Amino acid sequence: MSITFKALGKEDYLVEPYVAKAFQVYYVISGSINNPTQVTIDLAEEPPPLWPSSDESAVGFTNDSGRQSYYIWKSLLQTIYWPSGSISEVFSYYPSGSVYVVSMASDATGDGVFPTTFEYSIVGTSNSIIDDGMGNLYLSGSPSTILGSINYTLGLAVIKKNTGTGTPGITSNGAYFNTVASSSVAFKSTTTIYQHTAYCHMTPADFNFSTNPSAQQTVSLFVSGSGSITGSLVYDMLDSGSLTPYVTTIGLYDHQYNLVAVGKIANPIPRSQFSDQTVVVKFDT
């Protein structure tokens, strides 16, 4: 096997990002020990005024995850609505009273939730809560009824709790579920893949001569004044051009000649002696 190098120009190598999406759906039942670890639903409650200085022992409701509702509320405001003391995003919904917080782990969302794909529903009920692609959650069929907000990058959704009912379901007043209700959380995760494309151009003069030792023969030549010397000549069939090399493998190297990618050609391609040829190598990282 012979290896020959040719440098690629900047115009011959392209790197383009591509966002791959995968549909995800998880079911969460309050009180169950078999819930998925990728998605949790916690209750967050607005603590009393002056909390925690007013009563440090008060923590609110303790969720199945072990998180306490007052602390979730405080963290929620700091993370999504008022980070560093200023509004980071403009939401049509701002939490008050009590809300459900849907936390989607990064191993489920990847780089984040793809906008317009989030949907929360309660199994056995008719309505659902979906996102509008701009961070707002609304009642299905009624885009003007805003029931929460979502941070796509963090994988956090805030859903208004309906405190006026004890029946699982979703209405214009929010969502409510109990220990017998199963919640469905569906969305598309995103992962950025980088597509690399290398255009390997060959002119008729490139790669048309084999450097493989088996293509050469050892000969002895007599040079006047020097005597007999030994050298190498290409076999006549190769030197005449009647037998041309075939391209079987394309290797891509970095500037330090480290092999970074290998492209195998399905069928060997004979090198042309009369026209340019281009082999396109593509791979993802």
Protein backbone atom coordinates (compact mmCIF):
# COMPACT_ATOMS: atom_id res chain seq x y z
CA MET A 1 0.00 0.00 0.00
CA SER A 2 1.33 3.43 -0.94
CA ILE A 3 0.45 6.69 0.79
CA THR A 4 0.71 10.07 -0.90
CA PHE A 5 -0.20 13.42 0.65
CA LYS A 6 -1.81 16.53 -0.80
CA ALA A 7 -2.74 19.60 1.22
CA LEU A 8 -6.36 20.79 1.32
CA GLY A 9 -7.16 24.47 0.94
CA LYS A 10 -9.56 26.30 3.24
CA GLU A 11 -12.16 26.22 0.50
CA ASP A 12 -11.89 22.42 0.35
CA TYR A 13 -12.96 21.78 3.96
CA LEU A 14 -16.32 22.74 5.44
CA VAL A 15 -17.77 22.27 8.93
CA GLU A 16 -21.51 22.81 9.32
CA PRO A 17 -23.61 22.40 12.49
CA TYR A 18 -26.77 20.30 12.34
CA VAL A 19 -29.35 20.03 15.12
CA ALA A 20 -30.58 16.47 15.49
CA LYS A 21 -33.92 15.98 17.25
CA ALA A 22 -35.30 12.92 19.03
CA PHE A 23 -38.81 12.47 20.41
CA GLN A 24 -39.00 11.77 24.15
CA VAL A 25 -42.00 10.87 26.32
CA TYR A 26 -42.03 10.13 30.06
CA TYR A 27 -44.81 9.17 32.46
CA VAL A 28 -44.74 10.35 36.06
CA ILE A 29 -47.08 9.14 38.81
CA SER A 30 -47.08 11.05 42.09
CA GLY A 31 -45.97 8.81 44.94
CA SER A 32 -44.61 6.05 42.69
CA ILE A 33 -41.14 4.64 43.35
CA ASN A 34 -40.80 3.61 39.69
CA ASN A 35 -40.85 7.05 38.11
CA PRO A 36 -38.17 7.86 35.51
CA THR A 37 -35.11 9.68 36.76
CA GLN A 38 -34.93 11.85 33.65
CA VAL A 39 -38.11 13.81 34.45
CA THR A 40 -39.48 14.95 37.80
CA ILE A 41 -42.55 16.99 38.69
CA ASP A 42 -42.38 18.97 41.91
CA LEU A 43 -44.80 21.31 43.65
CA ALA A 44 -43.44 24.79 44.31
CA GLU A 45 -45.27 27.06 46.75
CA GLU A 46 -44.90 30.76 47.35
CA PRO A 47 -43.59 31.15 50.91
CA PRO A 48 -45.03 33.66 53.42
CA PRO A 49 -43.77 37.25 53.35
CA LEU A 50 -40.33 37.78 54.92
CA TRP A 51 -39.54 34.06 54.66
CA PRO A 52 -37.16 32.55 55.72
CA SER A 53 -36.31 35.12 58.37
CA SER A 54 -39.92 34.96 59.62
CA ASP A 55 -39.75 31.20 60.21
CA GLU A 56 -36.63 29.27 59.26
CA SER A 57 -38.23 25.93 60.17
CA ALA A 58 -40.98 26.34 57.56
CA VAL A 59 -40.09 24.53 54.34
CA GLY A 60 -43.49 23.95 52.77
CA PHE A 61 -44.49 20.69 51.11
CA THR A 62 -41.86 17.95 50.75
CA ASN A 63 -42.03 16.39 47.27
CA ASP A 64 -41.30 12.79 46.33
CA SER A 65 -37.90 13.98 45.12
CA GLY A 66 -37.13 15.26 48.63
CA ARG A 67 -37.19 18.86 47.45
CA GLN A 68 -39.15 21.31 49.58
CA SER A 69 -41.70 23.55 47.94
CA TYR A 70 -40.58 26.89 49.46
CA TYR A 71 -36.98 26.39 48.38
CA ILE A 72 -38.04 25.28 44.90
CA TRP A 73 -40.06 28.49 44.60
CA LYS A 74 -37.11 30.66 45.59
CA SER A 75 -34.76 28.82 43.25
CA LEU A 76 -37.31 29.03 40.45
CA LEU A 77 -37.55 32.80 40.63
CA GLN A 78 -33.78 33.21 40.73
CA THR A 79 -33.12 30.73 37.92
CA ILE A 80 -35.78 31.67 35.37
CA TYR A 81 -37.62 34.87 36.20
CA TRP A 82 -35.22 37.07 38.14
CA PRO A 83 -31.64 35.83 37.73
CA SER A 84 -29.05 38.28 39.12
CA GLY A 85 -31.78 40.74 39.99
CA SER A 86 -32.96 41.46 36.44
CA ILE A 87 -35.56 39.93 34.14
CA SER A 88 -33.78 37.57 31.74
CA GLU A 89 -36.71 36.73 29.52
CA VAL A 90 -40.11 38.27 28.96
CA PHE A 91 -42.78 35.73 29.81
CA SER A 92 -46.51 36.14 29.49
CA TYR A 93 -46.87 34.14 32.70
CA TYR A 94 -45.42 34.93 36.11
CA PRO A 95 -45.92 32.43 38.94
CA SER A 96 -47.97 33.13 42.03
CA GLY A 97 -49.45 30.92 44.73
CA SER A 98 -48.35 27.44 43.73
CA VAL A 99 -47.08 25.83 40.54
CA TYR A 100 -45.81 22.53 39.23
CA VAL A 101 -42.19 22.48 38.12
CA VAL A 102 -41.30 19.94 35.44
CA SER A 103 -37.55 19.28 35.49
CA MET A 104 -36.09 17.52 32.46
CA ALA A 105 -32.55 16.24 32.97
CA SER A 106 -29.83 17.03 30.44
CA ASP A 107 -29.42 13.35 29.55
CA ALA A 108 -33.01 13.53 28.27
CA THR A 109 -32.96 16.98 26.65
CA GLY A 110 -29.41 16.95 25.27
CA ASP A 111 -28.64 20.54 24.31
CA GLY A 112 -32.17 21.57 25.23
CA VAL A 113 -35.86 21.14 24.45
CA PHE A 114 -36.69 21.97 20.84
CA PRO A 115 -39.23 24.84 20.77
CA THR A 116 -42.88 24.03 19.91
CA THR A 117 -42.48 20.35 20.88
CA PHE A 118 -43.19 20.37 24.64
CA GLU A 119 -46.51 18.90 25.75
CA TYR A 120 -47.80 18.12 29.23
CA SER A 121 -50.95 16.09 29.73
CA ILE A 122 -52.71 13.97 32.34
CA VAL A 123 -53.51 10.49 31.11
CA GLY A 124 -57.24 9.96 30.71
CA THR A 125 -58.12 13.65 30.37
CA SER A 126 -58.81 15.62 27.21
CA ASN A 127 -56.74 18.80 27.43
CA SER A 128 -52.99 19.34 27.36
CA ILE A 129 -50.50 22.17 27.85
CA ILE A 130 -48.15 22.97 24.97
CA ASP A 131 -45.49 25.58 24.24
CA ASP A 132 -45.67 28.33 21.65
CA GLY A 133 -41.99 28.29 20.70
CA MET A 134 -41.33 31.54 22.59
CA GLY A 135 -41.20 30.24 26.15
CA ASN A 136 -44.92 30.36 26.95
CA LEU A 137 -47.15 27.40 27.82
CA TYR A 138 -50.81 27.55 26.87
CA LEU A 139 -53.97 25.46 27.02
CA SER A 140 -54.36 23.30 23.92
CA GLY A 141 -56.85 24.83 21.53
CA SER A 142 -56.64 28.20 23.29
CA PRO A 143 -53.33 29.99 22.58
CA SER A 144 -54.45 33.05 24.55
CA THR A 145 -54.84 31.01 27.76
CA ILE A 146 -51.29 31.09 29.17
CA LEU A 147 -50.73 28.54 31.93
CA GLY A 148 -46.98 28.64 32.41
CA SER A 149 -43.57 29.11 30.88
CA ILE A 150 -40.60 27.01 29.82
CA ASN A 151 -36.87 27.51 29.65
CA TYR A 152 -35.77 25.35 26.71
CA THR A 153 -32.06 25.37 27.53
CA LEU A 154 -32.45 24.47 31.21
CA GLY A 155 -35.25 21.97 30.57
CA LEU A 156 -37.52 23.60 33.15
CA ALA A 157 -41.26 24.06 32.68
CA VAL A 158 -43.49 25.94 35.11
CA ILE A 159 -47.19 25.05 35.08
CA LYS A 160 -49.92 26.84 37.00
CA LYS A 161 -51.63 24.66 39.61
CA ASN A 162 -55.40 24.62 39.70
CA THR A 163 -56.12 25.04 43.40
CA GLY A 164 -59.90 25.10 42.97
CA THR A 165 -60.42 21.42 42.27
CA GLY A 166 -59.59 17.97 43.57
CA THR A 167 -60.14 16.22 40.25
CA PRO A 168 -57.16 15.46 38.01
CA GLY A 169 -57.25 17.40 34.78
CA ILE A 170 -56.23 20.52 32.89
CA THR A 171 -58.51 23.53 32.51
CA SER A 172 -58.14 27.25 31.90
CA ASN A 173 -57.39 27.54 35.65
CA GLY A 174 -54.32 25.31 35.41
CA ALA A 175 -53.43 21.67 36.03
CA TYR A 176 -54.13 19.39 38.94
CA PHE A 177 -53.11 15.81 39.59
CA ASN A 178 -53.07 13.52 42.61
CA THR A 179 -51.48 10.21 43.57
CA VAL A 180 -53.69 8.20 41.20
CA ALA A 181 -53.08 10.36 38.13
CA SER A 182 -50.34 9.73 35.59
CA SER A 183 -48.71 12.74 33.98
CA SER A 184 -47.24 12.57 30.48
CA VAL A 185 -44.31 14.80 29.54
CA ALA A 186 -43.38 14.79 25.85
CA PHE A 187 -40.83 16.86 23.92
CA LYS A 188 -38.05 16.65 21.37
CA SER A 189 -34.49 16.72 22.64
CA THR A 190 -31.75 18.38 20.61
CA THR A 191 -28.13 17.49 19.97
CA THR A 192 -25.80 19.56 17.81
CA ILE A 193 -23.86 17.42 15.35
CA TYR A 194 -21.05 18.89 13.26
CA GLN A 195 -20.93 17.68 9.67
CA HIS A 196 -17.44 17.72 8.14
CA THR A 197 -17.04 17.73 4.36
CA ALA A 198 -13.66 17.43 2.64
CA TYR A 199 -13.35 17.92 -1.12
CA CYS A 200 -10.30 15.98 -2.28
CA HIS A 201 -9.41 17.30 -5.75
CA MET A 202 -7.00 15.40 -8.00
CA THR A 203 -5.54 16.60 -11.27
CA PRO A 204 -4.26 14.09 -13.87
CA ALA A 205 -0.75 14.64 -12.50
CA ASP A 206 -1.75 13.77 -8.90
CA PHE A 207 -1.54 10.25 -7.45
CA ASN A 208 -0.85 8.68 -10.85
CA PHE A 209 2.44 7.10 -9.90
CA SER A 210 2.81 4.27 -7.44
CA THR A 211 5.38 4.56 -4.66
CA ASN A 212 4.73 0.99 -3.58
CA PRO A 213 8.05 -0.94 -3.40
CA SER A 214 6.44 -3.88 -5.22
CA ALA A 215 5.98 -1.66 -8.29
CA GLN A 216 9.74 -1.14 -8.61
CA GLN A 217 12.56 -3.36 -9.72
CA THR A 218 16.18 -3.34 -8.62
CA VAL A 219 18.66 -2.86 -11.44
CA SER A 220 22.43 -2.55 -11.72
CA LEU A 221 23.84 0.16 -13.90
CA PHE A 222 27.43 0.72 -15.06
CA VAL A 223 28.55 4.31 -14.82
CA SER A 224 31.83 5.29 -16.47
CA GLY A 225 34.35 6.23 -13.86
CA SER A 226 32.17 4.95 -11.01
CA GLY A 227 31.69 1.35 -11.86
CA SER A 228 28.51 -0.59 -11.18
CA ILE A 229 25.76 1.00 -9.05
CA THR A 230 22.40 -0.35 -7.88
CA GLY A 231 19.16 1.57 -8.28
CA SER A 232 15.41 1.21 -8.70
CA LEU A 233 13.25 1.56 -11.77
CA VAL A 234 9.51 1.30 -12.20
CA TYR A 235 8.34 -1.78 -14.06
CA ASP A 236 7.74 -1.13 -17.73
CA MET A 237 3.98 -1.74 -17.53
CA LEU A 238 3.62 1.00 -14.92
CA ASP A 239 6.05 3.40 -16.54
CA SER A 240 4.28 3.14 -19.88
CA GLY A 241 0.94 4.24 -18.40
CA SER A 242 -0.89 1.10 -19.49
CA LEU A 243 -1.45 0.20 -15.84
CA THR A 244 -2.79 3.02 -13.64
CA PRO A 245 -3.26 3.22 -9.85
CA TYR A 246 -6.66 2.82 -8.23
CA VAL A 247 -7.95 4.90 -5.32
CA THR A 248 -9.25 2.69 -2.48
CA THR A 249 -8.87 4.78 0.70
CA ILE A 250 -8.86 8.48 1.55
CA GLY A 251 -7.18 9.51 4.79
CA LEU A 252 -7.53 12.94 6.34
CA TYR A 253 -4.65 14.24 8.45
CA ASP A 254 -4.20 17.29 10.64
CA HIS A 255 -1.32 19.75 10.26
CA GLN A 256 0.90 17.45 12.36
CA TYR A 257 0.16 14.46 10.11
CA ASN A 258 -2.04 12.72 12.66
CA LEU A 259 -4.70 10.59 11.01
CA VAL A 260 -8.13 11.94 12.05
CA ALA A 261 -10.53 10.27 9.58
CA VAL A 262 -10.56 7.47 7.04
CA GLY A 263 -12.91 7.15 4.09
CA LYS A 264 -13.22 3.74 2.42
CA ILE A 265 -14.40 3.67 -1.18
CA ALA A 266 -16.91 0.91 -1.96
CA ASN A 267 -15.32 0.09 -5.31
CA PRO A 268 -11.76 1.06 -6.27
CA ILE A 269 -11.68 4.09 -8.58
CA PRO A 270 -9.08 4.16 -11.39
CA ARG A 271 -7.11 7.38 -11.59
CA SER A 272 -7.85 9.39 -14.69
CA GLN A 273 -4.93 10.51 -16.86
CA PHE A 274 -6.97 13.09 -18.78
CA SER A 275 -9.39 14.87 -16.43
CA ASP A 276 -9.69 16.10 -12.85
CA GLN A 277 -11.36 13.93 -10.22
CA THR A 278 -12.89 14.88 -6.86
CA VAL A 279 -13.64 12.55 -3.97
CA VAL A 280 -15.97 13.97 -1.30
CA VAL A 281 -15.43 12.66 2.25
CA LYS A 282 -18.11 13.32 4.86
CA PHE A 283 -18.20 12.47 8.57
CA ASP A 284 -19.92 13.70 11.73
CA THR A 285 -18.58 14.63 15.15
